[in-house]
Amino acid sequence: MSNIKCWSLVTSLPFFVSKIATYIYVRGNNDGRLAQGEVMAFRGNTLPIALRALALSGLLSCVTIVQAAPSPPPMRSERVTLTSISDSGGKATALFGFWIKSTARGPEKKPTVIALHGCGGLYSVIRDNRSEFTPRHIAMARALTDAGYNVLFPDSFTPRGKRAICQASMEQRNISSSNRRHDVQAALRWLATQPEVDPSRVALLGWSHGASTLLSALNLAQTDVAVRKIQPKAAIAFYPNCVTYAKKTSPYKPAAPLLILMGENDDWTPPEACEALEKRLEGSDTPITLRLYPDTYHDFDAPGTPVHVRFDISGAGRDGVTSGANPTARADAYKEMLKFLKDKFD
């Protein structure tokens, strides 16, 4: 059975797709693990379920073929220290992040992406001094490093005593997107000291709360943004909350061209505000490009996540909010993202 036929057969069985997708990605990407200190890994409970199901359906040989595909070079991570500040009194705040250098061929100084996690944080699991990145963050790290970009993932939550803030009420959220803007400033200052970084080719990328942070960190109407020494050349926001900056009374001038990627059906961060922001900045010298994907919800790029309704999100209301993967939209968004970065960096 060829690999093409195998994949076609597997994806034709919706019941198995969410279970096998993570396994196939794990096997195809260095067992889903980064080399140094086992800092990042996929969850391990997907494999047995998928294998049992596939064995019963006569498809085990198909997965064996996919498993045998050669793995790309391992990604190596380094935990680094970042010094940010807090909103309350501007006190220094010690953060850390994970630095992943691209091993792709090219010049010694490479373009670099700062990737900002959402309200769920960076990790699937935190236990025994071992942190495991979510599949979404591993997938992004792999896509960017393979394309020749270094990646820095600042952790805005764990050093502040939080793992996630999605379920906290707005009154309880003491980590805001404006606060996290200072984390971006800290990340930019750190990148300026690294010999492997081309400071003229830095981009910001974020998901949800991290994407809203990105919007704040791009806004030249903020003095600390306007005066910083390194300005990003590009920014990519996955399903941000654009409400604040869609208002005409809120000054907004982005420091770099911005690509927004989100689902038409997103009811967690509805796209209408981002459409209003795009329209507001039409004709400006720093464009915003909005890509909306049909039949697509929040977290559409999270591998192996079935579409489901969440009632545990602050402000979700009685109907909850919808979240889940759309592999077709995710593939197109990655393609758009890489093309956008190449166009802005070249």
C-alpha atoms as a PDB file:
ATOM      1  CA  MET A   1       0.000   0.000   0.000  1.00  0.00           C
ATOM      2  CA  SER A   2       1.512   3.358  -0.981  1.00  0.00           C
ATOM      3  CA  ASN A   3       1.821   6.243   1.457  1.00  0.00           C
ATOM      4  CA  ILE A   4      -0.677   8.300  -0.576  1.00  0.00           C
ATOM      5  CA  LYS A   5      -3.313   5.552  -0.544  1.00  0.00           C
ATOM      6  CA  CYS A   6      -2.610   4.895   3.127  1.00  0.00           C
ATOM      7  CA  TRP A   7      -3.245   8.539   4.102  1.00  0.00           C
ATOM      8  CA  SER A   8      -6.365   8.661   1.960  1.00  0.00           C
ATOM      9  CA  LEU A   9      -7.704   5.544   3.642  1.00  0.00           C
ATOM     10  CA  VAL A  10      -6.939   6.800   7.133  1.00  0.00           C
ATOM     11  CA  THR A  11      -8.461  10.239   6.650  1.00  0.00           C
ATOM     12  CA  SER A  12     -11.618   8.700   5.211  1.00  0.00           C
ATOM     13  CA  LEU A  13     -12.451   7.381   8.690  1.00  0.00           C
ATOM     14  CA  PRO A  14     -13.453  10.413  10.792  1.00  0.00           C
ATOM     15  CA  PHE A  15     -13.748   8.306  13.958  1.00  0.00           C
ATOM     16  CA  PHE A  16     -10.012   7.581  13.888  1.00  0.00           C
ATOM     17  CA  VAL A  17      -8.649  10.871  12.599  1.00  0.00           C
ATOM     18  CA  SER A  18      -8.370  12.760  15.880  1.00  0.00           C
ATOM     19  CA  LYS A  19      -6.685   9.747  17.531  1.00  0.00           C
ATOM     20  CA  ILE A  20      -4.141   8.917  14.837  1.00  0.00           C
ATOM     21  CA  ALA A  21      -3.220  12.451  13.812  1.00  0.00           C
ATOM     22  CA  THR A  22      -1.129  13.073  16.914  1.00  0.00           C
ATOM     23  CA  TYR A  23       0.599   9.685  16.593  1.00  0.00           C
ATOM     24  CA  ILE A  24       1.509  10.237  12.953  1.00  0.00           C
ATOM     25  CA  TYR A  25       2.867  13.684  13.804  1.00  0.00           C
ATOM     26  CA  VAL A  26       4.819  12.303  16.746  1.00  0.00           C
ATOM     27  CA  ARG A  27       6.466   9.642  14.637  1.00  0.00           C
ATOM     28  CA  GLY A  28       7.180  12.098  11.834  1.00  0.00           C
ATOM     29  CA  ASN A  29       8.797  14.728  14.033  1.00  0.00           C
ATOM     30  CA  ASN A  30      11.555  13.258  16.149  1.00  0.00           C
ATOM     31  CA  ASP A  31       9.054  11.353  18.295  1.00  0.00           C
ATOM     32  CA  GLY A  32       7.480  14.702  19.135  1.00  0.00           C
ATOM     33  CA  ARG A  33      10.343  15.498  21.443  1.00  0.00           C
ATOM     34  CA  LEU A  34      12.933  18.229  21.557  1.00  0.00           C
ATOM     35  CA  ALA A  35      16.406  16.985  22.245  1.00  0.00           C
ATOM     36  CA  GLN A  36      17.669  18.981  25.219  1.00  0.00           C
ATOM     37  CA  GLY A  37      16.369  17.990  28.644  1.00  0.00           C
ATOM     38  CA  GLU A  38      13.124  16.586  27.244  1.00  0.00           C
ATOM     39  CA  VAL A  39      11.676  20.057  27.554  1.00  0.00           C
ATOM     40  CA  MET A  40       8.855  19.381  25.107  1.00  0.00           C
ATOM     41  CA  ALA A  41       6.931  16.222  24.233  1.00  0.00           C
ATOM     42  CA  PHE A  42       3.586  15.039  22.960  1.00  0.00           C
ATOM     43  CA  ARG A  43       1.081  13.386  25.229  1.00  0.00           C
ATOM     44  CA  GLY A  44       1.646   9.658  25.305  1.00  0.00           C
ATOM     45  CA  ASN A  45      -1.865   8.285  25.765  1.00  0.00           C
ATOM     46  CA  THR A  46      -2.968   8.696  22.143  1.00  0.00           C
ATOM     47  CA  LEU A  47      -0.840   5.911  20.702  1.00  0.00           C
ATOM     48  CA  PRO A  48      -2.348   2.810  22.347  1.00  0.00           C
ATOM     49  CA  ILE A  49      -5.923   3.899  21.580  1.00  0.00           C
ATOM     50  CA  ALA A  50      -5.085   4.602  17.963  1.00  0.00           C
ATOM     51  CA  LEU A  51      -3.222   1.332  17.491  1.00  0.00           C
ATOM     52  CA  ARG A  52      -6.019  -0.767  18.996  1.00  0.00           C
ATOM     53  CA  ALA A  53      -8.599   0.929  16.835  1.00  0.00           C
ATOM     54  CA  LEU A  54      -6.509   0.554  13.692  1.00  0.00           C
ATOM     55  CA  ALA A  55      -5.711  -3.076  14.420  1.00  0.00           C
ATOM     56  CA  LEU A  56      -9.411  -3.883  14.723  1.00  0.00           C
ATOM     57  CA  SER A  57     -10.097  -2.137  11.425  1.00  0.00           C
ATOM     58  CA  GLY A  58      -7.249  -3.874   9.564  1.00  0.00           C
ATOM     59  CA  LEU A  59      -5.254  -0.672   9.094  1.00  0.00           C
ATOM     60  CA  LEU A  60      -2.247  -1.359  11.326  1.00  0.00           C
ATOM     61  CA  SER A  61       0.013  -1.913   8.305  1.00  0.00           C
ATOM     62  CA  CYS A  62      -0.980   1.506   7.032  1.00  0.00           C
ATOM     63  CA  VAL A  63       0.284   3.199  10.203  1.00  0.00           C
ATOM     64  CA  THR A  64       3.462   1.139  10.047  1.00  0.00           C
ATOM     65  CA  ILE A  65       4.173   2.632   6.619  1.00  0.00           C
ATOM     66  CA  VAL A  66       3.696   6.162   7.924  1.00  0.00           C
ATOM     67  CA  GLN A  67       5.795   5.369  10.999  1.00  0.00           C
ATOM     68  CA  ALA A  68       8.693   4.223   8.836  1.00  0.00           C
ATOM     69  CA  ALA A  69       9.066   7.627   7.174  1.00  0.00           C
ATOM     70  CA  PRO A  70      12.442   9.257   7.976  1.00  0.00           C
ATOM     71  CA  SER A  71      12.421  11.769  10.809  1.00  0.00           C
ATOM     72  CA  PRO A  72      13.717  15.317  10.304  1.00  0.00           C
ATOM     73  CA  PRO A  73      16.675  16.528  12.367  1.00  0.00           C
ATOM     74  CA  PRO A  74      15.867  16.941  16.079  1.00  0.00           C
ATOM     75  CA  MET A  75      14.968  20.360  17.426  1.00  0.00           C
ATOM     76  CA  ARG A  76      17.097  21.416  20.379  1.00  0.00           C
ATOM     77  CA  SER A  77      15.757  23.818  22.966  1.00  0.00           C
ATOM     78  CA  GLU A  78      17.512  25.985  25.511  1.00  0.00           C
ATOM     79  CA  ARG A  79      15.816  27.561  28.500  1.00  0.00           C
ATOM     80  CA  VAL A  80      16.754  31.243  28.692  1.00  0.00           C
ATOM     81  CA  THR A  81      16.120  34.043  31.177  1.00  0.00           C
ATOM     82  CA  LEU A  82      14.119  37.155  30.263  1.00  0.00           C
ATOM     83  CA  THR A  83      13.654  40.217  32.477  1.00  0.00           C
ATOM     84  CA  SER A  84      10.253  41.836  32.051  1.00  0.00           C
ATOM     85  CA  ILE A  85       8.220  44.172  34.259  1.00  0.00           C
ATOM     86  CA  SER A  86       4.831  43.896  35.946  1.00  0.00           C
ATOM     87  CA  ASP A  87       1.887  46.234  35.479  1.00  0.00           C
ATOM     88  CA  SER A  88       1.785  47.022  39.172  1.00  0.00           C
ATOM     89  CA  GLY A  89       4.459  49.604  39.867  1.00  0.00           C
ATOM     90  CA  GLY A  90       6.700  48.562  36.983  1.00  0.00           C
ATOM     91  CA  LYS A  91       8.606  46.066  39.125  1.00  0.00           C
ATOM     92  CA  ALA A  92      11.168  43.818  37.466  1.00  0.00           C
ATOM     93  CA  THR A  93       9.780  40.334  36.751  1.00  0.00           C
ATOM     94  CA  ALA A  94      12.021  37.346  36.060  1.00  0.00           C
ATOM     95  CA  LEU A  95      10.632  35.245  33.226  1.00  0.00           C
ATOM     96  CA  PHE A  96      12.033  32.445  31.135  1.00  0.00           C
ATOM     97  CA  GLY A  97      11.529  31.219  27.611  1.00  0.00           C
ATOM     98  CA  PHE A  98      12.582  28.440  25.270  1.00  0.00           C
ATOM     99  CA  TRP A  99      15.058  29.198  22.509  1.00  0.00           C
ATOM    100  CA  ILE A 100      15.116  26.949  19.441  1.00  0.00           C
ATOM    101  CA  LYS A 101      17.714  27.648  16.781  1.00  0.00           C
ATOM    102  CA  SER A 102      17.109  26.621  13.207  1.00  0.00           C
ATOM    103  CA  THR A 103      19.508  24.037  11.804  1.00  0.00           C
ATOM    104  CA  ALA A 104      18.528  24.824   8.216  1.00  0.00           C
ATOM    105  CA  ARG A 105      21.266  25.864   5.834  1.00  0.00           C
ATOM    106  CA  GLY A 106      21.810  29.546   5.338  1.00  0.00           C
ATOM    107  CA  PRO A 107      23.659  32.522   6.817  1.00  0.00           C
ATOM    108  CA  GLU A 108      24.864  32.399  10.420  1.00  0.00           C
ATOM    109  CA  LYS A 109      22.492  35.207  11.422  1.00  0.00           C
ATOM    110  CA  LYS A 110      18.969  33.994  10.768  1.00  0.00           C
ATOM    111  CA  PRO A 111      15.535  35.603  10.881  1.00  0.00           C
ATOM    112  CA  THR A 112      13.727  34.942  14.148  1.00  0.00           C
ATOM    113  CA  VAL A 113      10.130  34.613  15.360  1.00  0.00           C
ATOM    114  CA  ILE A 114       8.882  35.398  18.878  1.00  0.00           C
ATOM    115  CA  ALA A 115       5.901  33.076  19.495  1.00  0.00           C
ATOM    116  CA  LEU A 116       3.351  34.075  22.166  1.00  0.00           C
ATOM    117  CA  HIS A 117       1.157  31.402  23.742  1.00  0.00           C
ATOM    118  CA  GLY A 118      -2.571  31.795  24.371  1.00  0.00           C
ATOM    119  CA  CYS A 119      -4.567  31.796  27.608  1.00  0.00           C
ATOM    120  CA  GLY A 120      -3.995  28.038  27.989  1.00  0.00           C
ATOM    121  CA  GLY A 121      -0.240  28.494  28.329  1.00  0.00           C
ATOM    122  CA  LEU A 122       2.584  26.615  26.622  1.00  0.00           C
ATOM    123  CA  TYR A 123       2.222  23.169  28.105  1.00  0.00           C
ATOM    124  CA  SER A 124       0.085  20.045  27.929  1.00  0.00           C
ATOM    125  CA  VAL A 125       1.629  18.686  31.118  1.00  0.00           C
ATOM    126  CA  ILE A 126       3.787  20.109  33.910  1.00  0.00           C
ATOM    127  CA  ARG A 127       5.077  17.460  36.312  1.00  0.00           C
ATOM    128  CA  ASP A 128       8.283  16.247  37.943  1.00  0.00           C
ATOM    129  CA  ASN A 129      10.201  19.324  36.755  1.00  0.00           C
ATOM    130  CA  ARG A 130       9.351  18.332  33.195  1.00  0.00           C
ATOM    131  CA  SER A 131       7.286  20.573  30.924  1.00  0.00           C
ATOM    132  CA  GLU A 132       5.636  19.201  27.808  1.00  0.00           C
ATOM    133  CA  PHE A 133       4.697  21.598  25.045  1.00  0.00           C
ATOM    134  CA  THR A 134       1.288  21.242  23.408  1.00  0.00           C
ATOM    135  CA  PRO A 135       1.185  19.694  19.906  1.00  0.00           C
ATOM    136  CA  ARG A 136       0.292  23.133  18.493  1.00  0.00           C
ATOM    137  CA  HIS A 137       3.509  24.698  19.784  1.00  0.00           C
ATOM    138  CA  ILE A 138       5.657  21.780  18.655  1.00  0.00           C
ATOM    139  CA  ALA A 139       4.049  21.881  15.210  1.00  0.00           C
ATOM    140  CA  MET A 140       4.781  25.596  14.901  1.00  0.00           C
ATOM    141  CA  ALA A 141       8.367  25.199  16.118  1.00  0.00           C
ATOM    142  CA  ARG A 142       8.936  22.474  13.544  1.00  0.00           C
ATOM    143  CA  ALA A 143       7.391  24.464  10.682  1.00  0.00           C
ATOM    144  CA  LEU A 144       9.403  27.602  11.459  1.00  0.00           C
ATOM    145  CA  THR A 145      12.777  25.998  12.169  1.00  0.00           C
ATOM    146  CA  ASP A 146      12.508  23.812   9.055  1.00  0.00           C
ATOM    147  CA  ALA A 147      11.858  27.001   7.067  1.00  0.00           C
ATOM    148  CA  GLY A 148      15.063  28.576   8.420  1.00  0.00           C
ATOM    149  CA  TYR A 149      13.756  30.655  11.349  1.00  0.00           C
ATOM    150  CA  ASN A 150      14.933  30.675  14.948  1.00  0.00           C
ATOM    151  CA  VAL A 151      12.048  30.656  17.451  1.00  0.00           C
ATOM    152  CA  LEU A 152      11.739  32.068  20.965  1.00  0.00           C
ATOM    153  CA  PHE A 153       8.748  31.015  23.113  1.00  0.00           C
ATOM    154  CA  PRO A 154       8.465  33.320  26.154  1.00  0.00           C
ATOM    155  CA  ASP A 155       6.521  31.800  29.062  1.00  0.00           C
ATOM    156  CA  SER A 156       4.388  34.600  30.504  1.00  0.00           C
ATOM    157  CA  PHE A 157       2.454  32.427  32.962  1.00  0.00           C
ATOM    158  CA  THR A 158       4.542  29.851  34.860  1.00  0.00           C
ATOM    159  CA  PRO A 159       7.057  32.365  36.291  1.00  0.00           C
ATOM    160  CA  ARG A 160       4.056  34.381  37.522  1.00  0.00           C
ATOM    161  CA  GLY A 161       2.538  31.377  39.261  1.00  0.00           C
ATOM    162  CA  LYS A 162      -0.090  30.572  36.624  1.00  0.00           C
ATOM    163  CA  ARG A 163      -0.473  27.648  34.266  1.00  0.00           C
ATOM    164  CA  ALA A 164      -3.479  29.024  32.366  1.00  0.00           C
ATOM    165  CA  ILE A 165      -5.975  31.876  32.678  1.00  0.00           C
ATOM    166  CA  CYS A 166      -8.759  30.876  30.244  1.00  0.00           C
ATOM    167  CA  GLN A 167     -11.168  30.006  33.049  1.00  0.00           C
ATOM    168  CA  ALA A 168     -10.385  33.017  35.234  1.00  0.00           C
ATOM    169  CA  SER A 169     -12.833  35.908  35.233  1.00  0.00           C
ATOM    170  CA  MET A 170     -11.656  39.211  33.822  1.00  0.00           C
ATOM    171  CA  GLU A 171     -11.437  40.558  37.379  1.00  0.00           C
ATOM    172  CA  GLN A 172      -9.181  37.640  38.358  1.00  0.00           C
ATOM    173  CA  ARG A 173      -6.875  37.924  35.351  1.00  0.00           C
ATOM    174  CA  ASN A 174      -3.820  39.685  36.695  1.00  0.00           C
ATOM    175  CA  ILE A 175      -1.850  38.929  33.517  1.00  0.00           C
ATOM    176  CA  SER A 176      -3.154  41.166  30.758  1.00  0.00           C
ATOM    177  CA  SER A 177      -2.186  41.575  27.128  1.00  0.00           C
ATOM    178  CA  SER A 178      -0.818  45.023  27.954  1.00  0.00           C
ATOM    179  CA  ASN A 179       1.299  43.455  30.708  1.00  0.00           C
ATOM    180  CA  ARG A 180       2.523  40.792  28.309  1.00  0.00           C
ATOM    181  CA  ARG A 181       3.550  43.547  25.895  1.00  0.00           C
ATOM    182  CA  HIS A 182       6.444  44.121  28.298  1.00  0.00           C
ATOM    183  CA  ASP A 183       7.363  40.441  27.896  1.00  0.00           C
ATOM    184  CA  VAL A 184       7.663  41.027  24.158  1.00  0.00           C
ATOM    185  CA  GLN A 185       9.943  43.990  24.843  1.00  0.00           C
ATOM    186  CA  ALA A 186      12.088  41.735  27.060  1.00  0.00           C
ATOM    187  CA  ALA A 187      12.237  39.098  24.325  1.00  0.00           C
ATOM    188  CA  LEU A 188      13.330  41.686  21.756  1.00  0.00           C
ATOM    189  CA  ARG A 189      16.076  42.952  24.056  1.00  0.00           C
ATOM    190  CA  TRP A 190      17.313  39.380  24.583  1.00  0.00           C
ATOM    191  CA  LEU A 191      17.347  38.663  20.839  1.00  0.00           C
ATOM    192  CA  ALA A 192      19.503  41.746  20.289  1.00  0.00           C
ATOM    193  CA  THR A 193      22.294  40.021  22.251  1.00  0.00           C
ATOM    194  CA  GLN A 194      22.275  36.751  20.297  1.00  0.00           C
ATOM    195  CA  PRO A 195      24.917  36.182  17.586  1.00  0.00           C
ATOM    196  CA  GLU A 196      22.599  33.862  15.624  1.00  0.00           C
ATOM    197  CA  VAL A 197      19.895  36.538  15.190  1.00  0.00           C
ATOM    198  CA  ASP A 198      19.530  39.019  12.363  1.00  0.00           C
ATOM    199  CA  PRO A 199      17.927  41.926  14.291  1.00  0.00           C
ATOM    200  CA  SER A 200      16.619  43.453  11.075  1.00  0.00           C
ATOM    201  CA  ARG A 201      14.486  40.342  10.448  1.00  0.00           C
ATOM    202  CA  VAL A 202      12.370  39.634  13.524  1.00  0.00           C
ATOM    203  CA  ALA A 203       8.680  38.732  13.513  1.00  0.00           C
ATOM    204  CA  LEU A 204       5.993  38.372  16.175  1.00  0.00           C
ATOM    205  CA  LEU A 205       3.484  35.520  16.219  1.00  0.00           C
ATOM    206  CA  GLY A 206       0.722  34.761  18.698  1.00  0.00           C
ATOM    207  CA  TRP A 207      -2.403  32.751  19.424  1.00  0.00           C
ATOM    208  CA  SER A 208      -5.606  34.156  20.983  1.00  0.00           C
ATOM    209  CA  HIS A 209      -4.501  35.944  24.183  1.00  0.00           C
ATOM    210  CA  GLY A 210      -0.967  35.922  22.781  1.00  0.00           C
ATOM    211  CA  ALA A 211      -2.286  37.338  19.494  1.00  0.00           C
ATOM    212  CA  SER A 212      -4.031  40.121  21.415  1.00  0.00           C
ATOM    213  CA  THR A 213      -0.707  40.709  23.175  1.00  0.00           C
ATOM    214  CA  LEU A 214       0.874  40.947  19.739  1.00  0.00           C
ATOM    215  CA  LEU A 215      -1.587  43.689  18.723  1.00  0.00           C
ATOM    216  CA  SER A 216      -0.594  45.655  21.821  1.00  0.00           C
ATOM    217  CA  ALA A 217       3.126  45.051  21.244  1.00  0.00           C
ATOM    218  CA  LEU A 218       2.800  46.386  17.681  1.00  0.00           C
ATOM    219  CA  ASN A 219       1.024  49.615  18.573  1.00  0.00           C
ATOM    220  CA  LEU A 220       3.302  52.600  17.949  1.00  0.00           C
ATOM    221  CA  ALA A 221       0.811  54.748  19.884  1.00  0.00           C
ATOM    222  CA  GLN A 222       2.422  53.209  22.996  1.00  0.00           C
ATOM    223  CA  THR A 223       5.588  55.116  23.896  1.00  0.00           C
ATOM    224  CA  ASP A 224       7.552  52.028  24.944  1.00  0.00           C
ATOM    225  CA  VAL A 225       6.762  50.437  21.565  1.00  0.00           C
ATOM    226  CA  ALA A 226       7.667  53.529  19.553  1.00  0.00           C
ATOM    227  CA  VAL A 227      11.092  54.023  21.154  1.00  0.00           C
ATOM    228  CA  ARG A 228      12.421  50.443  21.198  1.00  0.00           C
ATOM    229  CA  LYS A 229      15.591  49.774  19.212  1.00  0.00           C
ATOM    230  CA  ILE A 230      14.356  46.642  17.418  1.00  0.00           C
ATOM    231  CA  GLN A 231      11.076  46.761  15.524  1.00  0.00           C
ATOM    232  CA  PRO A 232       9.548  43.627  13.983  1.00  0.00           C
ATOM    233  CA  LYS A 233       9.343  43.355  10.194  1.00  0.00           C
ATOM    234  CA  ALA A 234       6.174  41.219  10.269  1.00  0.00           C
ATOM    235  CA  ALA A 235       3.488  39.896  12.617  1.00  0.00           C
ATOM    236  CA  ILE A 236       1.077  36.944  12.420  1.00  0.00           C
ATOM    237  CA  ALA A 237      -1.937  36.743  14.733  1.00  0.00           C
ATOM    238  CA  PHE A 238      -4.000  33.562  15.066  1.00  0.00           C
ATOM    239  CA  TYR A 239      -7.583  34.448  16.172  1.00  0.00           C
ATOM    240  CA  PRO A 240      -6.881  37.584  18.267  1.00  0.00           C
ATOM    241  CA  ASN A 241      -9.425  39.747  20.089  1.00  0.00           C
ATOM    242  CA  CYS A 242      -9.449  42.942  18.007  1.00  0.00           C
ATOM    243  CA  VAL A 243     -12.244  44.758  19.883  1.00  0.00           C
ATOM    244  CA  THR A 244     -10.052  47.368  21.591  1.00  0.00           C
ATOM    245  CA  TYR A 245      -8.273  48.474  18.433  1.00  0.00           C
ATOM    246  CA  ALA A 246     -11.300  48.316  16.151  1.00  0.00           C
ATOM    247  CA  LYS A 247     -12.692  51.379  17.925  1.00  0.00           C
ATOM    248  CA  LYS A 248     -11.955  54.648  16.150  1.00  0.00           C
ATOM    249  CA  THR A 249     -11.390  56.296  19.529  1.00  0.00           C
ATOM    250  CA  SER A 250      -8.482  53.940  20.284  1.00  0.00           C
ATOM    251  CA  PRO A 251      -5.221  55.104  18.632  1.00  0.00           C
ATOM    252  CA  TYR A 252      -3.652  52.303  16.647  1.00  0.00           C
ATOM    253  CA  LYS A 253      -0.683  52.322  14.284  1.00  0.00           C
ATOM    254  CA  PRO A 254       1.010  48.945  13.766  1.00  0.00           C
ATOM    255  CA  ALA A 255       4.803  48.860  13.677  1.00  0.00           C
ATOM    256  CA  ALA A 256       4.836  46.144  11.010  1.00  0.00           C
ATOM    257  CA  PRO A 257       2.585  44.525   8.391  1.00  0.00           C
ATOM    258  CA  LEU A 258       0.112  42.211  10.096  1.00  0.00           C
ATOM    259  CA  LEU A 259      -1.482  38.959   8.936  1.00  0.00           C
ATOM    260  CA  ILE A 260      -4.558  37.802  10.897  1.00  0.00           C
ATOM    261  CA  LEU A 261      -5.685  34.176  10.525  1.00  0.00           C
ATOM    262  CA  MET A 262      -9.020  33.069  11.994  1.00  0.00           C
ATOM    263  CA  GLY A 263     -12.200  31.082  11.429  1.00  0.00           C
ATOM    264  CA  GLU A 264     -15.404  32.594  10.077  1.00  0.00           C
ATOM    265  CA  ASN A 265     -17.345  30.743  12.779  1.00  0.00           C
ATOM    266  CA  ASP A 266     -15.115  31.763  15.701  1.00  0.00           C
ATOM    267  CA  ASP A 267     -17.482  32.529  18.595  1.00  0.00           C
ATOM    268  CA  TRP A 268     -14.702  32.904  21.200  1.00  0.00           C
ATOM    269  CA  THR A 269     -12.988  35.858  19.507  1.00  0.00           C
ATOM    270  CA  PRO A 270     -15.503  36.723  16.763  1.00  0.00           C
ATOM    271  CA  PRO A 271     -13.924  38.001  13.524  1.00  0.00           C
ATOM    272  CA  GLU A 272     -16.174  41.049  13.126  1.00  0.00           C
ATOM    273  CA  ALA A 273     -13.879  43.245  15.238  1.00  0.00           C
ATOM    274  CA  CYS A 274     -10.837  42.215  13.183  1.00  0.00           C
ATOM    275  CA  GLU A 275     -12.782  42.956   9.996  1.00  0.00           C
ATOM    276  CA  ALA A 276     -13.505  46.426  11.388  1.00  0.00           C
ATOM    277  CA  LEU A 277      -9.804  46.904  12.225  1.00  0.00           C
ATOM    278  CA  GLU A 278      -8.769  45.855   8.723  1.00  0.00           C
ATOM    279  CA  LYS A 279     -11.258  48.303   7.225  1.00  0.00           C
ATOM    280  CA  ARG A 280     -10.152  51.062   9.604  1.00  0.00           C
ATOM    281  CA  LEU A 281      -6.546  50.775   8.417  1.00  0.00           C
ATOM    282  CA  GLU A 282      -7.286  50.491   4.702  1.00  0.00           C
ATOM    283  CA  GLY A 283      -4.871  52.652   2.732  1.00  0.00           C
ATOM    284  CA  SER A 284      -2.416  53.050   5.615  1.00  0.00           C
ATOM    285  CA  ASP A 285       1.316  52.618   5.068  1.00  0.00           C
ATOM    286  CA  THR A 286       1.298  49.502   7.276  1.00  0.00           C
ATOM    287  CA  PRO A 287      -1.321  47.093   5.938  1.00  0.00           C
ATOM    288  CA  ILE A 288      -3.397  44.492   7.762  1.00  0.00           C
ATOM    289  CA  THR A 289      -4.387  41.343   5.886  1.00  0.00           C
ATOM    290  CA  LEU A 290      -7.248  39.253   7.289  1.00  0.00           C
ATOM    291  CA  ARG A 291      -7.782  35.625   6.207  1.00  0.00           C
ATOM    292  CA  LEU A 292     -11.045  34.001   7.275  1.00  0.00           C
ATOM    293  CA  TYR A 293     -11.575  30.257   6.891  1.00  0.00           C
ATOM    294  CA  PRO A 294     -15.117  28.893   6.367  1.00  0.00           C
ATOM    295  CA  ASP A 295     -16.563  26.260   8.707  1.00  0.00           C
ATOM    296  CA  THR A 296     -13.691  26.984  11.109  1.00  0.00           C
ATOM    297  CA  TYR A 297     -13.567  27.806  14.829  1.00  0.00           C
ATOM    298  CA  HIS A 298     -11.109  28.934  17.513  1.00  0.00           C
ATOM    299  CA  ASP A 299      -7.962  26.789  17.913  1.00  0.00           C
ATOM    300  CA  PHE A 300      -8.325  25.514  14.342  1.00  0.00           C
ATOM    301  CA  ASP A 301      -4.564  24.905  14.122  1.00  0.00           C
ATOM    302  CA  ALA A 302      -4.349  22.653  17.229  1.00  0.00           C
ATOM    303  CA  PRO A 303      -3.478  19.173  15.848  1.00  0.00           C
ATOM    304  CA  GLY A 304      -5.831  16.346  16.766  1.00  0.00           C
ATOM    305  CA  THR A 305      -8.298  18.509  18.728  1.00  0.00           C
ATOM    306  CA  PRO A 306     -11.921  17.555  17.948  1.00  0.00           C
ATOM    307  CA  VAL A 307     -14.420  20.391  17.526  1.00  0.00           C
ATOM    308  CA  HIS A 308     -16.242  20.781  20.836  1.00  0.00           C
ATOM    309  CA  VAL A 309     -18.100  23.363  22.920  1.00  0.00           C
ATOM    310  CA  ARG A 310     -16.474  24.737  26.071  1.00  0.00           C
ATOM    311  CA  PHE A 311     -18.546  26.108  28.939  1.00  0.00           C
ATOM    312  CA  ASP A 312     -15.587  26.751  31.251  1.00  0.00           C
ATOM    313  CA  ILE A 313     -14.351  29.912  29.552  1.00  0.00           C
ATOM    314  CA  SER A 314     -14.867  33.215  31.307  1.00  0.00           C
ATOM    315  CA  GLY A 315     -17.605  35.206  29.589  1.00  0.00           C
ATOM    316  CA  ALA A 316     -18.685  32.275  27.401  1.00  0.00           C
ATOM    317  CA  GLY A 317     -22.314  32.510  28.502  1.00  0.00           C
ATOM    318  CA  ARG A 318     -24.908  29.751  28.445  1.00  0.00           C
ATOM    319  CA  ASP A 319     -24.080  28.670  24.887  1.00  0.00           C
ATOM    320  CA  GLY A 320     -20.352  28.294  25.535  1.00  0.00           C
ATOM    321  CA  VAL A 321     -17.656  28.772  22.895  1.00  0.00           C
ATOM    322  CA  THR A 322     -16.585  26.411  20.140  1.00  0.00           C
ATOM    323  CA  SER A 323     -13.021  25.182  19.741  1.00  0.00           C
ATOM    324  CA  GLY A 324     -11.327  22.577  17.579  1.00  0.00           C
ATOM    325  CA  ALA A 325      -9.077  21.743  14.676  1.00  0.00           C
ATOM    326  CA  ASN A 326      -9.668  22.134  10.972  1.00  0.00           C
ATOM    327  CA  PRO A 327      -6.709  20.407   9.260  1.00  0.00           C
ATOM    328  CA  THR A 328      -7.470  21.984   5.870  1.00  0.00           C
ATOM    329  CA  ALA A 329      -7.585  25.502   7.311  1.00  0.00           C
ATOM    330  CA  ARG A 330      -4.469  24.807   9.366  1.00  0.00           C
ATOM    331  CA  ALA A 331      -2.498  23.677   6.297  1.00  0.00           C
ATOM    332  CA  ASP A 332      -3.569  26.764   4.360  1.00  0.00           C
ATOM    333  CA  ALA A 333      -2.790  29.069   7.304  1.00  0.00           C
ATOM    334  CA  TYR A 334       0.722  27.630   7.617  1.00  0.00           C
ATOM    335  CA  LYS A 335       1.246  28.161   3.898  1.00  0.00           C
ATOM    336  CA  GLU A 336      -0.012  31.759   4.167  1.00  0.00           C
ATOM    337  CA  MET A 337       2.169  32.369   7.212  1.00  0.00           C
ATOM    338  CA  LEU A 338       5.384  31.096   5.609  1.00  0.00           C
ATOM    339  CA  LYS A 339       4.729  33.018   2.393  1.00  0.00           C
ATOM    340  CA  PHE A 340       4.012  36.187   4.397  1.00  0.00           C
ATOM    341  CA  LEU A 341       7.242  35.847   6.378  1.00  0.00           C
ATOM    342  CA  LYS A 342       9.293  35.207   3.265  1.00  0.00           C
ATOM    343  CA  ASP A 343       7.770  38.206   1.478  1.00  0.00           C
ATOM    344  CA  LYS A 344       8.421  40.559   4.410  1.00  0.00           C
ATOM    345  CA  PHE A 345      11.939  39.308   5.183  1.00  0.00           C
ATOM    346  CA  ASP A 346      13.270  39.118   1.618  1.00  0.00           C
END
